Amino acid sequence: MTKKSMKRIGLLILAGVVMAGSIGAYLFFKPHRDVQATSAFAELKVSELVNEFTVDAGKANAKYLQSDGNSKVLIVEGRVKKISENQNNEKVIVLKDERAKVGVSATFTKATTANTQSIKVGDIVKIKGAITAGN
């Protein structure tokens, strides 16, 4: 290899490293979405949301989930079936109708977990959040 081609290869590698670093920095410092300040796309009962995904998961995914990560913000109303914590010590509340086989799981961030202190199993609540999965 000549000195000229080595220089070109070195510049290409350097350009690639700079581009990768720029993309990584952009993603790392990207502001987080404020779900509470975002207006809700819809307000549904837990049974309605579960039914949409049960009848046609593909259609429901297309309706509520987006590939860019900014999925729809919903308000879901239902009876609290279970309250637990995940491995990150974040509160997880499951809303489920008594006759239903499945429900909706809502995970609260560390910043919003304090808002769940007064919620008890059996309460009927409305939870606002971004939908992240439907399978």
N, C-alpha and C. Protein backbone atom coordinates (compact mmCIF):
# COMPACT_ATOMS: atom_id res chain seq x y z
N MET A 1 0.84 -1.18 0.00
CA MET A 1 0.00 0.00 0.00
C MET A 1 0.88 1.24 0.00
N THR A 2 0.42 2.21 -0.72
CA THR A 2 1.19 3.45 -0.79
C THR A 2 0.82 4.35 0.39
N LYS A 3 1.65 5.34 0.56
CA LYS A 3 1.43 6.28 1.65
C LYS A 3 0.11 7.04 1.44
N LYS A 4 -0.20 7.33 0.17
CA LYS A 4 -1.42 8.07 -0.15
C LYS A 4 -2.68 7.26 0.20
N SER A 5 -2.68 5.97 -0.13
CA SER A 5 -3.85 5.13 0.18
C SER A 5 -3.97 4.90 1.69
N MET A 6 -2.88 4.80 2.39
CA MET A 6 -2.92 4.66 3.86
C MET A 6 -3.53 5.91 4.50
N LYS A 7 -3.18 7.06 3.93
CA LYS A 7 -3.72 8.32 4.45
C LYS A 7 -5.24 8.37 4.23
N ARG A 8 -5.70 7.94 3.06
CA ARG A 8 -7.14 7.93 2.76
C ARG A 8 -7.88 6.98 3.71
N ILE A 9 -7.33 5.80 3.91
CA ILE A 9 -7.95 4.83 4.81
C ILE A 9 -8.03 5.40 6.23
N GLY A 10 -6.97 6.03 6.66
CA GLY A 10 -6.95 6.65 7.99
C GLY A 10 -8.00 7.74 8.13
N LEU A 11 -8.15 8.57 7.09
CA LEU A 11 -9.17 9.63 7.12
C LEU A 11 -10.58 9.05 7.13
N LEU A 12 -10.81 7.97 6.38
CA LEU A 12 -12.12 7.32 6.38
C LEU A 12 -12.45 6.74 7.75
N ILE A 13 -11.48 6.12 8.37
CA ILE A 13 -11.69 5.56 9.71
C ILE A 13 -11.98 6.68 10.70
N LEU A 14 -11.22 7.76 10.62
CA LEU A 14 -11.43 8.90 11.51
C LEU A 14 -12.82 9.50 11.31
N ALA A 15 -13.24 9.65 10.05
CA ALA A 15 -14.57 10.18 9.76
C ALA A 15 -15.66 9.26 10.33
N GLY A 16 -15.47 7.96 10.22
CA GLY A 16 -16.44 7.00 10.76
C GLY A 16 -16.54 7.10 12.27
N VAL A 17 -15.40 7.23 12.94
CA VAL A 17 -15.39 7.36 14.40
C VAL A 17 -16.09 8.65 14.83
N VAL A 18 -15.82 9.75 14.12
CA VAL A 18 -16.46 11.03 14.45
C VAL A 18 -17.97 10.94 14.25
N MET A 19 -18.41 10.31 13.15
CA MET A 19 -19.85 10.17 12.90
C MET A 19 -20.51 9.31 13.97
N ALA A 20 -19.89 8.19 14.31
CA ALA A 20 -20.46 7.31 15.33
C ALA A 20 -20.53 8.02 16.68
N GLY A 21 -19.50 8.75 17.01
CA GLY A 21 -19.49 9.51 18.27
C GLY A 21 -20.56 10.59 18.30
N SER A 22 -20.76 11.25 17.17
CA SER A 22 -21.79 12.29 17.09
C SER A 22 -23.18 11.71 17.26
N ILE A 23 -23.45 10.58 16.62
CA ILE A 23 -24.75 9.93 16.75
C ILE A 23 -24.97 9.46 18.18
N GLY A 24 -23.95 8.87 18.78
CA GLY A 24 -24.05 8.42 20.17
C GLY A 24 -24.32 9.58 21.12
N ALA A 25 -23.62 10.69 20.93
CA ALA A 25 -23.82 11.86 21.79
C ALA A 25 -25.23 12.43 21.62
N TYR A 26 -25.71 12.46 20.38
CA TYR A 26 -27.07 12.96 20.12
C TYR A 26 -28.10 12.12 20.86
N LEU A 27 -27.98 10.81 20.76
CA LEU A 27 -28.94 9.92 21.42
C LEU A 27 -28.83 10.01 22.94
N PHE A 28 -27.62 10.13 23.46
CA PHE A 28 -27.41 10.19 24.91
C PHE A 28 -27.98 11.48 25.50
N PHE A 29 -27.78 12.60 24.82
CA PHE A 29 -28.19 13.89 25.35
C PHE A 29 -29.56 14.34 24.87
N LYS A 30 -30.23 13.51 24.10
CA LYS A 30 -31.56 13.82 23.58
C LYS A 30 -32.51 14.01 24.76
N PRO A 31 -33.30 15.09 24.77
CA PRO A 31 -34.21 15.31 25.90
C PRO A 31 -35.27 14.21 25.97
N HIS A 32 -35.59 13.81 27.19
CA HIS A 32 -36.60 12.78 27.39
C HIS A 32 -37.99 13.37 27.17
N ARG A 33 -38.88 12.54 26.75
CA ARG A 33 -40.25 12.95 26.46
C ARG A 33 -41.01 13.18 27.77
N ASP A 34 -41.71 14.29 27.87
CA ASP A 34 -42.52 14.59 29.04
C ASP A 34 -43.95 14.10 28.78
N VAL A 35 -44.21 12.87 29.18
CA VAL A 35 -45.51 12.24 28.92
C VAL A 35 -46.63 12.99 29.62
N GLN A 36 -46.39 13.47 30.83
CA GLN A 36 -47.44 14.15 31.58
C GLN A 36 -47.87 15.45 30.92
N ALA A 37 -46.95 16.11 30.21
CA ALA A 37 -47.28 17.37 29.53
C ALA A 37 -47.89 17.14 28.14
N THR A 38 -47.80 15.91 27.65
CA THR A 38 -48.33 15.57 26.32
C THR A 38 -49.82 15.28 26.43
N SER A 39 -50.59 15.80 25.48
CA SER A 39 -52.03 15.51 25.51
C SER A 39 -52.26 14.06 25.08
N ALA A 40 -53.26 13.45 25.67
CA ALA A 40 -53.55 12.04 25.42
C ALA A 40 -54.18 11.84 24.04
N PHE A 41 -53.76 10.79 23.36
CA PHE A 41 -54.32 10.41 22.07
C PHE A 41 -55.74 9.89 22.25
N ALA A 42 -55.97 9.17 23.35
CA ALA A 42 -57.29 8.59 23.62
C ALA A 42 -57.41 8.26 25.10
N GLU A 43 -58.65 8.15 25.56
CA GLU A 43 -58.93 7.68 26.92
C GLU A 43 -59.79 6.44 26.78
N LEU A 44 -59.29 5.32 27.31
CA LEU A 44 -59.95 4.03 27.14
C LEU A 44 -60.10 3.31 28.47
N LYS A 45 -61.08 2.44 28.53
CA LYS A 45 -61.17 1.50 29.64
C LYS A 45 -60.21 0.36 29.34
N VAL A 46 -59.68 -0.27 30.39
CA VAL A 46 -58.70 -1.34 30.20
C VAL A 46 -59.27 -2.45 29.31
N SER A 47 -60.55 -2.75 29.45
CA SER A 47 -61.17 -3.81 28.63
C SER A 47 -61.16 -3.45 27.15
N GLU A 48 -61.33 -2.17 26.83
CA GLU A 48 -61.32 -1.74 25.42
C GLU A 48 -59.93 -1.90 24.82
N LEU A 49 -58.91 -1.49 25.57
CA LEU A 49 -57.54 -1.60 25.07
C LEU A 49 -57.13 -3.06 24.90
N VAL A 50 -57.43 -3.87 25.90
CA VAL A 50 -57.10 -5.30 25.82
C VAL A 50 -57.83 -5.94 24.64
N ASN A 51 -59.09 -5.59 24.44
CA ASN A 51 -59.87 -6.15 23.34
C ASN A 51 -59.25 -5.80 21.98
N GLU A 52 -58.79 -4.55 21.82
CA GLU A 52 -58.17 -4.16 20.56
C GLU A 52 -56.96 -5.03 20.24
N PHE A 53 -56.12 -5.28 21.24
CA PHE A 53 -54.92 -6.09 21.01
C PHE A 53 -55.25 -7.57 20.88
N THR A 54 -56.32 -8.01 21.53
CA THR A 54 -56.71 -9.42 21.44
C THR A 54 -57.31 -9.74 20.08
N VAL A 55 -58.14 -8.85 19.57
CA VAL A 55 -58.82 -9.07 18.29
C VAL A 55 -57.84 -8.98 17.12
N ASP A 56 -56.99 -7.94 17.09
CA ASP A 56 -56.04 -7.76 15.98
C ASP A 56 -54.82 -7.00 16.49
N ALA A 57 -53.83 -7.74 16.98
CA ALA A 57 -52.63 -7.13 17.56
C ALA A 57 -51.89 -6.27 16.54
N GLY A 58 -51.83 -6.71 15.30
CA GLY A 58 -51.14 -5.94 14.27
C GLY A 58 -51.77 -4.58 14.05
N LYS A 59 -53.08 -4.56 13.98
CA LYS A 59 -53.81 -3.31 13.79
C LYS A 59 -53.65 -2.39 15.00
N ALA A 60 -53.71 -2.97 16.20
CA ALA A 60 -53.55 -2.18 17.42
C ALA A 60 -52.12 -1.63 17.53
N ASN A 61 -51.13 -2.46 17.18
CA ASN A 61 -49.74 -1.98 17.19
C ASN A 61 -49.58 -0.82 16.23
N ALA A 62 -50.15 -0.92 15.03
CA ALA A 62 -50.06 0.15 14.04
C ALA A 62 -50.74 1.43 14.54
N LYS A 63 -51.80 1.26 15.30
CA LYS A 63 -52.56 2.41 15.81
C LYS A 63 -51.83 3.13 16.94
N TYR A 64 -51.20 2.38 17.84
CA TYR A 64 -50.65 2.97 19.06
C TYR A 64 -49.13 3.05 19.12
N LEU A 65 -48.42 2.17 18.44
CA LEU A 65 -46.96 2.13 18.54
C LEU A 65 -46.32 2.77 17.32
N GLN A 66 -45.21 3.48 17.53
CA GLN A 66 -44.49 4.10 16.43
C GLN A 66 -43.03 3.69 16.50
N SER A 67 -42.42 3.51 15.35
CA SER A 67 -41.04 3.03 15.30
C SER A 67 -40.03 4.07 15.80
N ASP A 68 -40.40 5.35 15.82
CA ASP A 68 -39.47 6.38 16.27
C ASP A 68 -39.40 6.50 17.79
N GLY A 69 -40.17 5.68 18.50
CA GLY A 69 -40.12 5.68 19.96
C GLY A 69 -41.12 6.61 20.61
N ASN A 70 -41.78 7.45 19.83
CA ASN A 70 -42.78 8.37 20.37
C ASN A 70 -44.17 7.79 20.21
N SER A 71 -44.41 6.68 20.86
CA SER A 71 -45.70 6.01 20.76
C SER A 71 -46.79 6.86 21.40
N LYS A 72 -48.02 6.49 21.13
CA LYS A 72 -49.17 7.28 21.58
C LYS A 72 -49.26 7.31 23.11
N VAL A 73 -49.72 8.45 23.61
CA VAL A 73 -49.98 8.62 25.04
C VAL A 73 -51.47 8.35 25.26
N LEU A 74 -51.76 7.45 26.18
CA LEU A 74 -53.14 7.06 26.48
C LEU A 74 -53.46 7.29 27.94
N ILE A 75 -54.74 7.44 28.22
CA ILE A 75 -55.25 7.39 29.59
C ILE A 75 -56.07 6.12 29.66
N VAL A 76 -55.68 5.22 30.55
CA VAL A 76 -56.36 3.93 30.68
C VAL A 76 -57.01 3.86 32.06
N GLU A 77 -58.29 3.51 32.07
CA GLU A 77 -59.04 3.39 33.32
C GLU A 77 -59.34 1.93 33.60
N GLY A 78 -59.11 1.54 34.85
CA GLY A 78 -59.42 0.17 35.21
C GLY A 78 -59.21 -0.10 36.69
N ARG A 79 -59.53 -1.31 37.10
CA ARG A 79 -59.39 -1.73 38.49
C ARG A 79 -57.97 -2.27 38.71
N VAL A 80 -57.35 -1.85 39.82
CA VAL A 80 -56.00 -2.30 40.15
C VAL A 80 -56.07 -3.76 40.61
N LYS A 81 -55.40 -4.63 39.89
CA LYS A 81 -55.37 -6.06 40.21
C LYS A 81 -54.14 -6.41 41.04
N LYS A 82 -53.01 -5.74 40.75
CA LYS A 82 -51.76 -6.09 41.41
C LYS A 82 -50.84 -4.87 41.45
N ILE A 83 -50.08 -4.75 42.54
CA ILE A 83 -49.08 -3.69 42.68
C ILE A 83 -47.77 -4.36 43.08
N SER A 84 -46.72 -4.06 42.34
CA SER A 84 -45.40 -4.64 42.65
C SER A 84 -44.30 -3.65 42.28
N GLU A 85 -43.07 -4.09 42.46
CA GLU A 85 -41.91 -3.29 42.04
C GLU A 85 -41.06 -4.14 41.12
N ASN A 86 -40.47 -3.49 40.11
CA ASN A 86 -39.56 -4.22 39.22
C ASN A 86 -38.14 -4.18 39.76
N GLN A 87 -37.20 -4.71 38.99
CA GLN A 87 -35.81 -4.80 39.44
C GLN A 87 -35.15 -3.43 39.60
N ASN A 88 -35.75 -2.38 39.02
CA ASN A 88 -35.22 -1.02 39.16
C ASN A 88 -35.92 -0.23 40.27
N ASN A 89 -36.67 -0.94 41.11
CA ASN A 89 -37.44 -0.33 42.21
C ASN A 89 -38.47 0.67 41.71
N GLU A 90 -39.00 0.42 40.51
CA GLU A 90 -40.07 1.24 39.97
C GLU A 90 -41.39 0.52 40.22
N LYS A 91 -42.41 1.29 40.55
CA LYS A 91 -43.73 0.72 40.83
C LYS A 91 -44.37 0.22 39.54
N VAL A 92 -44.95 -0.98 39.61
CA VAL A 92 -45.67 -1.58 38.48
C VAL A 92 -47.09 -1.86 38.94
N ILE A 93 -48.05 -1.31 38.24
CA ILE A 93 -49.46 -1.50 38.57
C ILE A 93 -50.14 -2.20 37.41
N VAL A 94 -50.85 -3.28 37.72
CA VAL A 94 -51.59 -4.03 36.70
C VAL A 94 -53.07 -3.69 36.83
N LEU A 95 -53.64 -3.23 35.73
CA LEU A 95 -55.08 -2.97 35.65
C LEU A 95 -55.71 -4.13 34.89
N LYS A 96 -56.78 -4.69 35.46
CA LYS A 96 -57.38 -5.86 34.82
C LYS A 96 -58.83 -5.99 35.26
N ASP A 97 -59.69 -6.30 34.30
CA ASP A 97 -61.09 -6.61 34.62
C ASP A 97 -61.14 -7.97 35.29
N GLU A 98 -62.11 -8.17 36.15
CA GLU A 98 -62.21 -9.44 36.89
C GLU A 98 -62.40 -10.64 35.97
N ARG A 99 -63.14 -10.47 34.88
CA ARG A 99 -63.42 -11.60 33.98
C ARG A 99 -62.34 -11.78 32.91
N ALA A 100 -61.45 -10.83 32.77
CA ALA A 100 -60.45 -10.88 31.70
C ALA A 100 -59.28 -11.80 32.04
N LYS A 101 -58.69 -12.38 31.00
CA LYS A 101 -57.51 -13.23 31.20
C LYS A 101 -56.23 -12.41 31.23
N VAL A 102 -56.23 -11.24 30.58
CA VAL A 102 -55.05 -10.38 30.55
C VAL A 102 -55.44 -8.96 30.94
N GLY A 103 -54.43 -8.16 31.26
CA GLY A 103 -54.67 -6.78 31.65
C GLY A 103 -53.61 -5.87 31.07
N VAL A 104 -53.50 -4.70 31.65
CA VAL A 104 -52.53 -3.70 31.22
C VAL A 104 -51.58 -3.43 32.37
N SER A 105 -50.30 -3.49 32.08
CA SER A 105 -49.27 -3.24 33.08
C SER A 105 -48.72 -1.83 32.88
N ALA A 106 -48.69 -1.04 33.95
CA ALA A 106 -48.17 0.32 33.90
C ALA A 106 -46.95 0.41 34.82
N THR A 107 -45.81 0.76 34.24
CA THR A 107 -44.58 0.92 35.02
C THR A 107 -44.32 2.41 35.21
N PHE A 108 -44.18 2.81 36.46
CA PHE A 108 -43.93 4.21 36.78
C PHE A 108 -42.43 4.44 36.91
N THR A 109 -41.95 5.55 36.38
CA THR A 109 -40.53 5.88 36.50
C THR A 109 -40.23 6.23 37.95
N LYS A 110 -38.95 6.32 38.27
CA LYS A 110 -38.57 6.69 39.64
C LYS A 110 -39.14 8.05 40.01
N ALA A 111 -39.21 8.95 39.03
CA ALA A 111 -39.74 10.29 39.28
C ALA A 111 -41.23 10.29 39.55
N THR A 112 -41.96 9.31 39.01
CA THR A 112 -43.42 9.30 39.17
C THR A 112 -43.92 8.23 40.13
N THR A 113 -43.04 7.39 40.65
CA THR A 113 -43.46 6.33 41.58
C THR A 113 -44.13 6.90 42.82
N ALA A 114 -43.71 8.07 43.27
CA ALA A 114 -44.30 8.68 44.46
C ALA A 114 -45.80 8.94 44.27
N ASN A 115 -46.24 9.11 43.03
CA ASN A 115 -47.65 9.36 42.75
C ASN A 115 -48.53 8.13 42.99
N THR A 116 -47.92 6.99 43.26
CA THR A 116 -48.68 5.74 43.41
C THR A 116 -48.90 5.36 44.87
N GLN A 117 -48.42 6.15 45.80
CA GLN A 117 -48.45 5.77 47.22
C GLN A 117 -49.85 5.50 47.75
N SER A 118 -50.84 6.24 47.28
CA SER A 118 -52.19 6.08 47.83
C SER A 118 -53.02 5.02 47.08
N ILE A 119 -52.48 4.45 46.02
CA ILE A 119 -53.23 3.47 45.23
C ILE A 119 -53.19 2.11 45.92
N LYS A 120 -54.37 1.45 45.97
CA LYS A 120 -54.46 0.13 46.59
C LYS A 120 -55.10 -0.85 45.61
N VAL A 121 -54.84 -2.14 45.82
CA VAL A 121 -55.48 -3.18 45.02
C VAL A 121 -56.99 -3.04 45.18
N GLY A 122 -57.72 -3.08 44.08
CA GLY A 122 -59.17 -2.93 44.09
C GLY A 122 -59.64 -1.54 43.71
N ASP A 123 -58.76 -0.54 43.81
CA ASP A 123 -59.12 0.82 43.42
C ASP A 123 -59.37 0.90 41.92
N ILE A 124 -60.26 1.77 41.52
CA ILE A 124 -60.44 2.08 40.10
C ILE A 124 -59.69 3.38 39.85
N VAL A 125 -58.72 3.33 38.92
CA VAL A 125 -57.85 4.46 38.67
C VAL A 125 -57.76 4.75 37.17
N LYS A 126 -57.29 5.95 36.87
CA LYS A 126 -56.94 6.33 35.50
C LYS A 126 -55.44 6.58 35.49
N ILE A 127 -54.76 5.95 34.55
CA ILE A 127 -53.31 6.10 34.45
C ILE A 127 -52.98 6.63 33.06
N LYS A 128 -52.18 7.69 33.03
CA LYS A 128 -51.74 8.28 31.77
C LYS A 128 -50.31 7.85 31.50
N GLY A 129 -50.06 7.39 30.28
CA GLY A 129 -48.71 6.97 29.95
C GLY A 129 -48.55 6.67 28.47
N ALA A 130 -47.31 6.48 28.07
CA ALA A 130 -47.00 6.12 26.69
C ALA A 130 -47.05 4.60 26.57
N ILE A 131 -47.74 4.12 25.58
CA ILE A 131 -47.84 2.68 25.36
C ILE A 131 -46.53 2.21 24.73
N THR A 132 -45.97 1.12 25.27
CA THR A 132 -44.67 0.68 24.78
C THR A 132 -44.66 -0.72 24.21
N ALA A 133 -45.68 -1.50 24.42
CA ALA A 133 -45.70 -2.86 23.86
C ALA A 133 -47.14 -3.33 23.79
N GLY A 134 -47.36 -4.26 22.89
CA GLY A 134 -48.72 -4.75 22.78
C GLY A 134 -48.79 -6.23 22.52
N ASN A 135 -47.69 -6.91 22.66
CA ASN A 135 -47.68 -8.35 22.38
C ASN A 135 -47.74 -9.13 23.66
